[in-house]
Amino acid sequence: MAIEKHVMGLFQDRDRAISTLEALKATTWKVKRVHGPFPDHKIINALNLKKSRVGYFTLVGGIIGFFSGMALAIFTATRWSIIVSGKPIIAPIPFLIVGFEFTILFAVLGNIIGLLTQSRLPGFKSLEQYDARCSGEHFGILAACGEVEQERLVSFFEEKGGEVRVFD
């Protein structure tokens, strides 16, 4: 099995980092991580990241919450059987308020669960392959390659105008 090597290209210019990311898409090398001194929408767009699934957790939580709230109100009304002024025991309109409140509660809980499960926090593993200059004025692109392609990847980053750091 081939050993995976990690090489980081450090760029002071954001546009060079973006053009390097675009050029990396046409190669067999994998972009593992991109570090920068500030969040940048152009870099995020160049990475073509998948859409987050946290919204689905929120939606499912809201649906479960609505039906749970309605079920709780109906169950409670049928157990107590208090007839007020000839009104039906199961009155849908007042129960919608309970369903709405449970929708909000469970949607928030679903959102929190989705955020915790999908963000994969904490990520201490990525700190092993980090350059402190990325906190100041550099953009770092961490790419992975096979052991035999390491020199080609190093020369690729140098051709694009970046400094190179190799991680073991």
C-alpha atoms as a PDB file:
ATOM      1  CA  MET A   1       0.000   0.000   0.000  1.00  0.00           C
ATOM      2  CA  ALA A   2       1.369   3.402  -0.965  1.00  0.00           C
ATOM      3  CA  ILE A   3       2.187   5.854   1.788  1.00  0.00           C
ATOM      4  CA  GLU A   4       0.273   9.127   1.565  1.00  0.00           C
ATOM      5  CA  LYS A   5       2.445  12.239   1.788  1.00  0.00           C
ATOM      6  CA  HIS A   6       1.185  15.716   2.648  1.00  0.00           C
ATOM      7  CA  VAL A   7       2.590  18.844   1.037  1.00  0.00           C
ATOM      8  CA  MET A   8       1.484  22.394   1.810  1.00  0.00           C
ATOM      9  CA  GLY A   9       1.789  25.271  -0.616  1.00  0.00           C
ATOM     10  CA  LEU A  10       1.886  28.680   1.077  1.00  0.00           C
ATOM     11  CA  PHE A  11       0.732  31.707  -0.914  1.00  0.00           C
ATOM     12  CA  GLN A  12       0.730  35.366   0.082  1.00  0.00           C
ATOM     13  CA  ASP A  13      -1.696  36.248  -2.712  1.00  0.00           C
ATOM     14  CA  ARG A  14      -5.277  35.034  -2.464  1.00  0.00           C
ATOM     15  CA  ASP A  15      -5.742  34.961  -6.233  1.00  0.00           C
ATOM     16  CA  ARG A  16      -2.721  32.684  -6.680  1.00  0.00           C
ATOM     17  CA  ALA A  17      -4.114  30.343  -4.045  1.00  0.00           C
ATOM     18  CA  ILE A  18      -7.461  30.247  -5.856  1.00  0.00           C
ATOM     19  CA  SER A  19      -5.835  29.585  -9.245  1.00  0.00           C
ATOM     20  CA  THR A  20      -3.766  26.810  -7.637  1.00  0.00           C
ATOM     21  CA  LEU A  21      -6.933  25.249  -6.206  1.00  0.00           C
ATOM     22  CA  GLU A  22      -8.519  25.365  -9.663  1.00  0.00           C
ATOM     23  CA  ALA A  23      -5.429  23.738 -11.192  1.00  0.00           C
ATOM     24  CA  LEU A  24      -5.391  21.021  -8.508  1.00  0.00           C
ATOM     25  CA  LYS A  25      -8.855  19.882  -9.623  1.00  0.00           C
ATOM     26  CA  ALA A  26      -7.381  18.654 -12.920  1.00  0.00           C
ATOM     27  CA  THR A  27      -4.749  16.516 -11.171  1.00  0.00           C
ATOM     28  CA  THR A  28      -4.908  13.264  -9.232  1.00  0.00           C
ATOM     29  CA  TRP A  29      -3.768  14.954  -6.012  1.00  0.00           C
ATOM     30  CA  LYS A  30      -6.347  15.481  -3.288  1.00  0.00           C
ATOM     31  CA  VAL A  31      -6.845  18.797  -1.521  1.00  0.00           C
ATOM     32  CA  LYS A  32      -7.050  17.890   2.154  1.00  0.00           C
ATOM     33  CA  ARG A  33      -7.413  21.309   3.755  1.00  0.00           C
ATOM     34  CA  VAL A  34      -7.093  25.023   3.035  1.00  0.00           C
ATOM     35  CA  HIS A  35      -5.934  27.426   5.729  1.00  0.00           C
ATOM     36  CA  GLY A  36      -6.195  31.188   5.553  1.00  0.00           C
ATOM     37  CA  PRO A  37      -5.933  34.255   7.745  1.00  0.00           C
ATOM     38  CA  PHE A  38      -9.639  35.017   7.252  1.00  0.00           C
ATOM     39  CA  PRO A  39     -12.718  33.255   5.824  1.00  0.00           C
ATOM     40  CA  ASP A  40     -12.962  33.836   2.089  1.00  0.00           C
ATOM     41  CA  HIS A  41     -15.993  33.093  -0.094  1.00  0.00           C
ATOM     42  CA  LYS A  42     -13.949  32.823  -3.279  1.00  0.00           C
ATOM     43  CA  ILE A  43     -11.804  30.067  -1.762  1.00  0.00           C
ATOM     44  CA  ILE A  44     -14.885  28.260  -0.460  1.00  0.00           C
ATOM     45  CA  ASN A  45     -16.438  28.441  -3.937  1.00  0.00           C
ATOM     46  CA  ALA A  46     -13.201  27.155  -5.508  1.00  0.00           C
ATOM     47  CA  LEU A  47     -13.287  24.118  -3.189  1.00  0.00           C
ATOM     48  CA  ASN A  48     -16.768  23.068  -4.443  1.00  0.00           C
ATOM     49  CA  LEU A  49     -17.797  21.828  -1.006  1.00  0.00           C
ATOM     50  CA  LYS A  50     -20.967  19.782  -0.578  1.00  0.00           C
ATOM     51  CA  LYS A  51     -24.047  21.473   0.816  1.00  0.00           C
ATOM     52  CA  SER A  52     -24.551  20.988   4.538  1.00  0.00           C
ATOM     53  CA  ARG A  53     -27.053  18.389   5.747  1.00  0.00           C
ATOM     54  CA  VAL A  54     -27.842  20.241   8.985  1.00  0.00           C
ATOM     55  CA  GLY A  55     -31.045  21.640   7.481  1.00  0.00           C
ATOM     56  CA  TYR A  56     -32.425  18.134   7.051  1.00  0.00           C
ATOM     57  CA  PHE A  57     -31.890  17.466  10.757  1.00  0.00           C
ATOM     58  CA  THR A  58     -33.837  20.657  11.516  1.00  0.00           C
ATOM     59  CA  LEU A  59     -36.665  19.660   9.170  1.00  0.00           C
ATOM     60  CA  VAL A  60     -36.969  16.140  10.592  1.00  0.00           C
ATOM     61  CA  GLY A  61     -36.841  17.506  14.140  1.00  0.00           C
ATOM     62  CA  GLY A  62     -39.618  19.972  13.336  1.00  0.00           C
ATOM     63  CA  ILE A  63     -41.852  17.307  11.785  1.00  0.00           C
ATOM     64  CA  ILE A  64     -41.309  14.939  14.708  1.00  0.00           C
ATOM     65  CA  GLY A  65     -41.963  17.823  17.107  1.00  0.00           C
ATOM     66  CA  PHE A  66     -45.254  18.776  15.472  1.00  0.00           C
ATOM     67  CA  PHE A  67     -46.646  15.256  15.589  1.00  0.00           C
ATOM     68  CA  SER A  68     -45.311  14.722  19.114  1.00  0.00           C
ATOM     69  CA  GLY A  69     -47.017  17.904  20.311  1.00  0.00           C
ATOM     70  CA  MET A  70     -50.299  16.957  18.673  1.00  0.00           C
ATOM     71  CA  ALA A  71     -50.072  13.416  20.075  1.00  0.00           C
ATOM     72  CA  LEU A  72     -49.344  14.715  23.576  1.00  0.00           C
ATOM     73  CA  ALA A  73     -52.302  17.116  23.478  1.00  0.00           C
ATOM     74  CA  ILE A  74     -54.669  14.464  22.096  1.00  0.00           C
ATOM     75  CA  PHE A  75     -53.453  11.826  24.570  1.00  0.00           C
ATOM     76  CA  THR A  76     -53.877  14.220  27.502  1.00  0.00           C
ATOM     77  CA  ALA A  77     -57.357  15.306  26.367  1.00  0.00           C
ATOM     78  CA  THR A  78     -58.563  11.725  25.957  1.00  0.00           C
ATOM     79  CA  ARG A  79     -57.249  10.713  29.392  1.00  0.00           C
ATOM     80  CA  TRP A  80     -58.909  13.589  31.248  1.00  0.00           C
ATOM     81  CA  SER A  81     -62.123  13.789  29.166  1.00  0.00           C
ATOM     82  CA  ILE A  82     -63.125  17.235  30.394  1.00  0.00           C
ATOM     83  CA  ILE A  83     -66.077  18.447  28.342  1.00  0.00           C
ATOM     84  CA  VAL A  84     -66.340  22.235  28.405  1.00  0.00           C
ATOM     85  CA  SER A  85     -69.559  23.851  27.103  1.00  0.00           C
ATOM     86  CA  GLY A  86     -70.284  20.933  24.805  1.00  0.00           C
ATOM     87  CA  LYS A  87     -67.048  21.340  22.871  1.00  0.00           C
ATOM     88  CA  PRO A  88     -65.395  18.208  21.476  1.00  0.00           C
ATOM     89  CA  ILE A  89     -62.698  16.532  23.561  1.00  0.00           C
ATOM     90  CA  ILE A  90     -60.263  16.591  20.659  1.00  0.00           C
ATOM     91  CA  ALA A  91     -60.312  20.159  19.345  1.00  0.00           C
ATOM     92  CA  PRO A  92     -57.748  20.535  16.534  1.00  0.00           C
ATOM     93  CA  ILE A  93     -57.374  24.333  16.593  1.00  0.00           C
ATOM     94  CA  PRO A  94     -56.128  24.676  20.199  1.00  0.00           C
ATOM     95  CA  PHE A  95     -53.934  21.614  19.733  1.00  0.00           C
ATOM     96  CA  LEU A  96     -52.167  23.327  16.821  1.00  0.00           C
ATOM     97  CA  ILE A  97     -50.639  25.752  19.318  1.00  0.00           C
ATOM     98  CA  VAL A  98     -49.077  22.866  21.248  1.00  0.00           C
ATOM     99  CA  GLY A  99     -47.949  21.296  17.965  1.00  0.00           C
ATOM    100  CA  PHE A 100     -46.379  24.603  16.869  1.00  0.00           C
ATOM    101  CA  GLU A 101     -44.449  24.994  20.131  1.00  0.00           C
ATOM    102  CA  PHE A 102     -43.165  21.425  19.939  1.00  0.00           C
ATOM    103  CA  THR A 103     -42.191  22.042  16.306  1.00  0.00           C
ATOM    104  CA  ILE A 104     -39.929  24.887  17.358  1.00  0.00           C
ATOM    105  CA  LEU A 105     -38.473  22.959  20.293  1.00  0.00           C
ATOM    106  CA  PHE A 106     -37.678  19.804  18.325  1.00  0.00           C
ATOM    107  CA  ALA A 107     -36.409  21.765  15.295  1.00  0.00           C
ATOM    108  CA  VAL A 108     -33.882  23.532  17.522  1.00  0.00           C
ATOM    109  CA  LEU A 109     -32.854  20.234  19.113  1.00  0.00           C
ATOM    110  CA  GLY A 110     -32.550  18.626  15.656  1.00  0.00           C
ATOM    111  CA  ASN A 111     -30.440  21.560  14.496  1.00  0.00           C
ATOM    112  CA  ILE A 112     -28.077  21.175  17.447  1.00  0.00           C
ATOM    113  CA  ILE A 113     -27.787  17.418  16.897  1.00  0.00           C
ATOM    114  CA  GLY A 114     -27.138  17.982  13.184  1.00  0.00           C
ATOM    115  CA  LEU A 115     -24.506  20.610  13.896  1.00  0.00           C
ATOM    116  CA  LEU A 116     -22.683  18.370  16.358  1.00  0.00           C
ATOM    117  CA  THR A 117     -22.766  15.274  14.152  1.00  0.00           C
ATOM    118  CA  GLN A 118     -22.005  16.913  10.798  1.00  0.00           C
ATOM    119  CA  SER A 119     -19.252  19.346  11.820  1.00  0.00           C
ATOM    120  CA  ARG A 120     -16.932  16.561  13.059  1.00  0.00           C
ATOM    121  CA  LEU A 121     -15.639  18.732  15.886  1.00  0.00           C
ATOM    122  CA  PRO A 122     -13.074  18.782  17.396  1.00  0.00           C
ATOM    123  CA  GLY A 123     -10.483  18.227  14.670  1.00  0.00           C
ATOM    124  CA  PHE A 124      -7.175  17.896  16.490  1.00  0.00           C
ATOM    125  CA  LYS A 125      -5.723  15.757  13.702  1.00  0.00           C
ATOM    126  CA  SER A 126      -5.509  18.721  11.330  1.00  0.00           C
ATOM    127  CA  LEU A 127      -3.320  20.665  13.767  1.00  0.00           C
ATOM    128  CA  GLU A 128      -0.424  18.296  13.041  1.00  0.00           C
ATOM    129  CA  GLN A 129      -0.315  19.591   9.458  1.00  0.00           C
ATOM    130  CA  TYR A 130      -0.601  23.317  10.000  1.00  0.00           C
ATOM    131  CA  ASP A 131       1.750  26.223   9.426  1.00  0.00           C
ATOM    132  CA  ALA A 132       1.491  29.193  11.797  1.00  0.00           C
ATOM    133  CA  ARG A 133       2.033  31.602   8.899  1.00  0.00           C
ATOM    134  CA  CYS A 134      -1.518  30.819   7.771  1.00  0.00           C
ATOM    135  CA  SER A 135      -2.756  32.819  10.776  1.00  0.00           C
ATOM    136  CA  GLY A 136      -1.009  35.933   9.503  1.00  0.00           C
ATOM    137  CA  GLU A 137      -0.635  36.682   5.824  1.00  0.00           C
ATOM    138  CA  HIS A 138      -0.419  33.325   4.029  1.00  0.00           C
ATOM    139  CA  PHE A 139      -2.985  31.006   2.474  1.00  0.00           C
ATOM    140  CA  GLY A 140      -2.011  27.362   2.864  1.00  0.00           C
ATOM    141  CA  ILE A 141      -3.207  24.564   0.599  1.00  0.00           C
ATOM    142  CA  LEU A 142      -2.580  21.098   2.019  1.00  0.00           C
ATOM    143  CA  ALA A 143      -2.584  18.401  -0.655  1.00  0.00           C
ATOM    144  CA  ALA A 144      -2.014  14.662  -0.433  1.00  0.00           C
ATOM    145  CA  CYS A 145      -0.173  12.497  -2.927  1.00  0.00           C
ATOM    146  CA  GLY A 146       1.581   9.178  -3.176  1.00  0.00           C
ATOM    147  CA  GLU A 147       5.183   8.857  -2.061  1.00  0.00           C
ATOM    148  CA  VAL A 148       6.447   8.681  -5.653  1.00  0.00           C
ATOM    149  CA  GLU A 149       4.598  11.875  -6.670  1.00  0.00           C
ATOM    150  CA  GLN A 150       5.842  14.044  -3.817  1.00  0.00           C
ATOM    151  CA  GLU A 151       8.526  15.796  -5.886  1.00  0.00           C
ATOM    152  CA  ARG A 152       6.032  16.547  -8.669  1.00  0.00           C
ATOM    153  CA  LEU A 153       3.621  18.097  -6.174  1.00  0.00           C
ATOM    154  CA  VAL A 154       6.398  20.174  -4.617  1.00  0.00           C
ATOM    155  CA  SER A 155       7.429  21.482  -8.049  1.00  0.00           C
ATOM    156  CA  PHE A 156       3.747  22.130  -8.889  1.00  0.00           C
ATOM    157  CA  PHE A 157       3.356  24.427  -5.877  1.00  0.00           C
ATOM    158  CA  GLU A 158       6.660  26.152  -6.673  1.00  0.00           C
ATOM    159  CA  GLU A 159       5.579  26.751 -10.292  1.00  0.00           C
ATOM    160  CA  LYS A 160       2.400  28.371  -9.018  1.00  0.00           C
ATOM    161  CA  GLY A 161       4.455  30.809  -6.945  1.00  0.00           C
ATOM    162  CA  GLY A 162       4.127  29.355  -3.477  1.00  0.00           C
ATOM    163  CA  GLU A 163       6.485  28.344  -0.726  1.00  0.00           C
ATOM    164  CA  VAL A 164       6.442  24.633   0.012  1.00  0.00           C
ATOM    165  CA  ARG A 165       6.362  22.748   3.283  1.00  0.00           C
ATOM    166  CA  VAL A 166       6.428  18.946   3.378  1.00  0.00           C
ATOM    167  CA  PHE A 167       4.874  17.036   6.284  1.00  0.00           C
ATOM    168  CA  ASP A 168       5.899  13.524   7.281  1.00  0.00           C
END
